[in-house]
N, C-alpha and C. Protein backbone atom coordinates (compact mmCIF):
# COMPACT_ATOMS: atom_id res chain seq x y z
N MET A 1 -17.60 0.07 34.89
CA MET A 1 -16.41 -0.72 34.72
C MET A 1 -16.05 -0.73 33.23
N LYS A 2 -14.77 -0.50 32.93
CA LYS A 2 -14.30 -0.43 31.55
C LYS A 2 -13.90 -1.82 31.05
N SER A 3 -14.10 -2.00 29.76
CA SER A 3 -13.70 -3.27 29.15
C SER A 3 -12.19 -3.28 28.93
N ALA A 4 -11.66 -4.45 28.68
CA ALA A 4 -10.23 -4.58 28.41
C ALA A 4 -9.85 -3.76 27.17
N TYR A 5 -10.74 -3.71 26.19
CA TYR A 5 -10.50 -2.93 24.98
C TYR A 5 -10.36 -1.45 25.32
N GLU A 6 -11.29 -0.95 26.12
CA GLU A 6 -11.24 0.48 26.49
C GLU A 6 -9.98 0.81 27.27
N LEU A 7 -9.58 -0.07 28.18
CA LEU A 7 -8.35 0.15 28.94
C LEU A 7 -7.12 0.14 28.03
N ALA A 8 -7.10 -0.79 27.09
CA ALA A 8 -5.98 -0.86 26.14
C ALA A 8 -5.93 0.39 25.28
N MET A 9 -7.07 0.88 24.85
CA MET A 9 -7.10 2.09 24.01
C MET A 9 -6.63 3.30 24.81
N GLU A 10 -6.95 3.38 26.09
CA GLU A 10 -6.47 4.48 26.92
C GLU A 10 -4.95 4.45 27.05
N ARG A 11 -4.40 3.27 27.30
CA ARG A 11 -2.94 3.14 27.40
C ARG A 11 -2.28 3.50 26.08
N LEU A 12 -2.86 3.07 24.99
CA LEU A 12 -2.30 3.38 23.68
C LEU A 12 -2.31 4.87 23.42
N SER A 13 -3.39 5.55 23.74
CA SER A 13 -3.48 6.99 23.47
C SER A 13 -2.51 7.78 24.35
N LYS A 14 -2.17 7.26 25.52
CA LYS A 14 -1.18 7.92 26.38
C LYS A 14 0.22 7.76 25.82
N SER A 15 0.53 6.58 25.30
CA SER A 15 1.88 6.32 24.80
C SER A 15 2.12 6.91 23.42
N SER A 16 1.10 6.96 22.60
CA SER A 16 1.24 7.58 21.27
C SER A 16 -0.09 8.21 20.89
N PRO A 17 -0.24 9.48 21.22
CA PRO A 17 -1.51 10.16 20.95
C PRO A 17 -1.84 10.18 19.45
N ALA A 18 -3.12 10.20 19.16
CA ALA A 18 -3.58 10.22 17.77
C ALA A 18 -3.12 11.51 17.09
N VAL A 19 -2.68 11.38 15.86
CA VAL A 19 -2.20 12.52 15.09
C VAL A 19 -3.38 13.15 14.37
N LYS A 20 -3.52 14.43 14.50
CA LYS A 20 -4.57 15.16 13.81
C LYS A 20 -4.03 15.62 12.46
N LEU A 21 -4.73 15.26 11.41
CA LEU A 21 -4.31 15.64 10.06
C LEU A 21 -5.10 16.85 9.59
N THR A 22 -4.43 17.71 8.83
CA THR A 22 -5.11 18.84 8.24
C THR A 22 -5.88 18.37 7.01
N ALA A 23 -6.76 19.23 6.53
CA ALA A 23 -7.52 18.91 5.32
C ALA A 23 -6.57 18.70 4.14
N GLU A 24 -5.52 19.52 4.07
CA GLU A 24 -4.55 19.39 2.98
C GLU A 24 -3.81 18.05 3.06
N GLN A 25 -3.43 17.63 4.26
CA GLN A 25 -2.75 16.34 4.42
C GLN A 25 -3.67 15.19 4.01
N LYS A 26 -4.93 15.28 4.41
CA LYS A 26 -5.89 14.24 4.02
C LYS A 26 -6.03 14.18 2.51
N LYS A 27 -6.06 15.35 1.88
CA LYS A 27 -6.17 15.41 0.42
C LYS A 27 -4.93 14.78 -0.23
N GLN A 28 -3.76 15.10 0.29
CA GLN A 28 -2.51 14.54 -0.26
C GLN A 28 -2.47 13.02 -0.08
N LEU A 29 -2.92 12.53 1.07
CA LEU A 29 -2.94 11.09 1.31
C LEU A 29 -3.90 10.40 0.34
N ALA A 30 -5.04 11.00 0.10
CA ALA A 30 -6.00 10.43 -0.84
C ALA A 30 -5.43 10.40 -2.26
N GLU A 31 -4.72 11.47 -2.63
CA GLU A 31 -4.10 11.53 -3.96
C GLU A 31 -3.03 10.45 -4.10
N LEU A 32 -2.24 10.27 -3.05
CA LEU A 32 -1.22 9.21 -3.09
C LEU A 32 -1.85 7.84 -3.24
N ASP A 33 -2.92 7.58 -2.48
CA ASP A 33 -3.62 6.30 -2.59
C ASP A 33 -4.10 6.08 -4.03
N SER A 34 -4.67 7.11 -4.61
CA SER A 34 -5.18 7.02 -5.97
C SER A 34 -4.06 6.77 -6.98
N GLN A 35 -2.97 7.53 -6.85
CA GLN A 35 -1.84 7.38 -7.77
C GLN A 35 -1.25 5.97 -7.70
N TYR A 36 -1.08 5.47 -6.48
CA TYR A 36 -0.46 4.15 -6.34
C TYR A 36 -1.41 3.02 -6.71
N ALA A 37 -2.69 3.23 -6.52
CA ALA A 37 -3.65 2.24 -6.99
C ALA A 37 -3.57 2.13 -8.51
N ALA A 38 -3.39 3.26 -9.17
CA ALA A 38 -3.26 3.27 -10.63
C ALA A 38 -1.96 2.59 -11.06
N LYS A 39 -0.87 2.85 -10.34
CA LYS A 39 0.41 2.22 -10.67
C LYS A 39 0.33 0.70 -10.53
N VAL A 40 -0.30 0.25 -9.45
CA VAL A 40 -0.45 -1.19 -9.22
C VAL A 40 -1.31 -1.80 -10.32
N ALA A 41 -2.41 -1.14 -10.64
CA ALA A 41 -3.30 -1.65 -11.70
C ALA A 41 -2.57 -1.74 -13.04
N GLU A 42 -1.77 -0.73 -13.33
CA GLU A 42 -1.01 -0.73 -14.59
C GLU A 42 -0.04 -1.92 -14.64
N ARG A 43 0.68 -2.15 -13.53
CA ARG A 43 1.62 -3.28 -13.48
C ARG A 43 0.87 -4.61 -13.61
N GLU A 44 -0.28 -4.70 -12.93
CA GLU A 44 -1.05 -5.94 -12.98
C GLU A 44 -1.54 -6.22 -14.39
N ILE A 45 -2.03 -5.21 -15.07
CA ILE A 45 -2.51 -5.40 -16.44
C ILE A 45 -1.38 -5.86 -17.34
N THR A 46 -0.25 -5.18 -17.24
CA THR A 46 0.89 -5.51 -18.09
C THR A 46 1.39 -6.93 -17.82
N LEU A 47 1.61 -7.24 -16.55
CA LEU A 47 2.19 -8.54 -16.24
C LEU A 47 1.17 -9.67 -16.34
N ASN A 48 -0.11 -9.39 -16.07
CA ASN A 48 -1.12 -10.45 -16.23
C ASN A 48 -1.26 -10.84 -17.69
N ASP A 49 -1.12 -9.87 -18.60
CA ASP A 49 -1.13 -10.20 -20.03
C ASP A 49 0.05 -11.12 -20.36
N GLU A 50 1.21 -10.80 -19.80
CA GLU A 50 2.40 -11.61 -20.01
C GLU A 50 2.20 -13.01 -19.42
N ILE A 51 1.63 -13.08 -18.23
CA ILE A 51 1.37 -14.37 -17.58
C ILE A 51 0.41 -15.21 -18.42
N ARG A 52 -0.63 -14.59 -18.92
CA ARG A 52 -1.61 -15.29 -19.75
C ARG A 52 -0.95 -15.83 -21.03
N ARG A 53 -0.12 -15.00 -21.64
CA ARG A 53 0.58 -15.42 -22.86
C ARG A 53 1.51 -16.60 -22.58
N LEU A 54 2.24 -16.53 -21.46
CA LEU A 54 3.16 -17.62 -21.10
C LEU A 54 2.40 -18.90 -20.76
N ALA A 55 1.26 -18.77 -20.12
CA ALA A 55 0.45 -19.95 -19.78
C ALA A 55 -0.03 -20.63 -21.05
N GLN A 56 -0.43 -19.84 -22.03
CA GLN A 56 -0.90 -20.43 -23.30
C GLN A 56 0.23 -21.11 -24.05
N SER A 57 1.45 -20.56 -23.92
CA SER A 57 2.57 -21.17 -24.62
C SER A 57 3.14 -22.37 -23.85
N GLY A 58 2.72 -22.51 -22.57
CA GLY A 58 3.17 -23.66 -21.78
C GLY A 58 4.47 -23.44 -21.04
N ASP A 59 4.99 -22.22 -21.03
CA ASP A 59 6.26 -21.92 -20.34
C ASP A 59 5.96 -21.60 -18.87
N MET A 60 5.74 -22.65 -18.09
CA MET A 60 5.33 -22.48 -16.69
C MET A 60 6.43 -21.88 -15.82
N GLU A 61 7.66 -22.20 -16.11
CA GLU A 61 8.77 -21.66 -15.32
C GLU A 61 8.85 -20.14 -15.47
N LYS A 62 8.80 -19.68 -16.70
CA LYS A 62 8.84 -18.24 -16.96
C LYS A 62 7.58 -17.56 -16.39
N MET A 63 6.45 -18.25 -16.47
CA MET A 63 5.20 -17.71 -15.94
C MET A 63 5.32 -17.48 -14.43
N GLN A 64 5.91 -18.44 -13.72
CA GLN A 64 6.09 -18.30 -12.29
C GLN A 64 7.03 -17.14 -11.95
N GLU A 65 8.06 -16.96 -12.77
CA GLU A 65 8.98 -15.84 -12.57
C GLU A 65 8.24 -14.50 -12.70
N VAL A 66 7.38 -14.40 -13.69
CA VAL A 66 6.63 -13.16 -13.90
C VAL A 66 5.63 -12.96 -12.76
N GLN A 67 5.02 -14.02 -12.26
CA GLN A 67 4.11 -13.91 -11.12
C GLN A 67 4.86 -13.41 -9.88
N GLN A 68 6.07 -13.92 -9.68
CA GLN A 68 6.89 -13.48 -8.55
C GLN A 68 7.29 -12.01 -8.73
N GLN A 69 7.58 -11.63 -9.96
CA GLN A 69 7.93 -10.24 -10.24
C GLN A 69 6.74 -9.33 -9.92
N LEU A 70 5.54 -9.75 -10.28
CA LEU A 70 4.34 -8.97 -9.98
C LEU A 70 4.17 -8.80 -8.46
N ALA A 71 4.39 -9.87 -7.71
CA ALA A 71 4.29 -9.80 -6.26
C ALA A 71 5.34 -8.85 -5.68
N ARG A 72 6.57 -8.91 -6.22
CA ARG A 72 7.62 -7.99 -5.76
C ARG A 72 7.27 -6.55 -6.09
N ASP A 73 6.74 -6.33 -7.29
CA ASP A 73 6.37 -4.97 -7.71
C ASP A 73 5.27 -4.41 -6.81
N ARG A 74 4.27 -5.24 -6.50
CA ARG A 74 3.19 -4.79 -5.60
C ARG A 74 3.76 -4.39 -4.25
N LYS A 75 4.61 -5.25 -3.71
CA LYS A 75 5.19 -4.99 -2.39
C LYS A 75 6.05 -3.72 -2.42
N SER A 76 6.84 -3.57 -3.45
CA SER A 76 7.70 -2.39 -3.59
C SER A 76 6.87 -1.11 -3.67
N LEU A 77 5.80 -1.15 -4.47
CA LEU A 77 4.94 0.03 -4.58
C LEU A 77 4.24 0.33 -3.26
N GLN A 78 3.86 -0.71 -2.52
CA GLN A 78 3.21 -0.51 -1.22
C GLN A 78 4.17 0.14 -0.23
N VAL A 79 5.42 -0.31 -0.22
CA VAL A 79 6.43 0.27 0.67
C VAL A 79 6.68 1.73 0.29
N GLU A 80 6.78 2.00 -1.00
CA GLU A 80 6.99 3.36 -1.48
C GLU A 80 5.82 4.26 -1.09
N LEU A 81 4.60 3.75 -1.24
CA LEU A 81 3.41 4.50 -0.87
C LEU A 81 3.42 4.83 0.62
N GLU A 82 3.68 3.83 1.45
CA GLU A 82 3.68 4.05 2.90
C GLU A 82 4.75 5.06 3.31
N SER A 83 5.90 5.02 2.65
CA SER A 83 6.96 5.98 2.93
C SER A 83 6.52 7.41 2.61
N LYS A 84 5.90 7.58 1.46
CA LYS A 84 5.43 8.91 1.08
C LYS A 84 4.30 9.38 1.99
N LYS A 85 3.42 8.47 2.37
CA LYS A 85 2.32 8.84 3.27
C LYS A 85 2.87 9.26 4.64
N GLU A 86 3.90 8.58 5.09
CA GLU A 86 4.50 8.92 6.38
C GLU A 86 5.12 10.32 6.32
N ARG A 87 5.75 10.66 5.20
CA ARG A 87 6.32 12.02 5.04
C ARG A 87 5.21 13.07 5.09
N VAL A 88 4.08 12.78 4.47
CA VAL A 88 2.94 13.72 4.49
C VAL A 88 2.43 13.88 5.92
N ARG A 89 2.31 12.77 6.63
CA ARG A 89 1.81 12.82 8.02
C ARG A 89 2.76 13.60 8.92
N ASP A 90 4.07 13.47 8.68
CA ASP A 90 5.06 14.14 9.52
C ASP A 90 5.25 15.62 9.17
N ALA A 91 4.78 16.02 7.99
CA ALA A 91 4.96 17.40 7.54
C ALA A 91 4.22 18.36 8.47
N LYS A 92 4.86 19.43 8.78
CA LYS A 92 4.23 20.44 9.64
C LYS A 92 3.48 21.42 8.74
N SER A 93 2.18 21.49 8.93
CA SER A 93 1.37 22.40 8.10
C SER A 93 0.82 23.51 8.93
């Protein structure tokens, strides 16, 4: 007797079969992950320095704006990364 999980996985594989990636696609995806991790880290370093400076000066309103900007930048970079990864996955090799 199959578990509910196994039955659900069977239905899922019928409706959208798993995509097989080539070695080159896997390499490209790993490179994209690495590049975007570096971009996020760079933004975090830059803006965290700004946040720290604003906190020391007591400008809490501006500090919150910079924190929100950092969150937007992270989200934007994540969306951009996922878009590029999807193009790699869809590429016919």
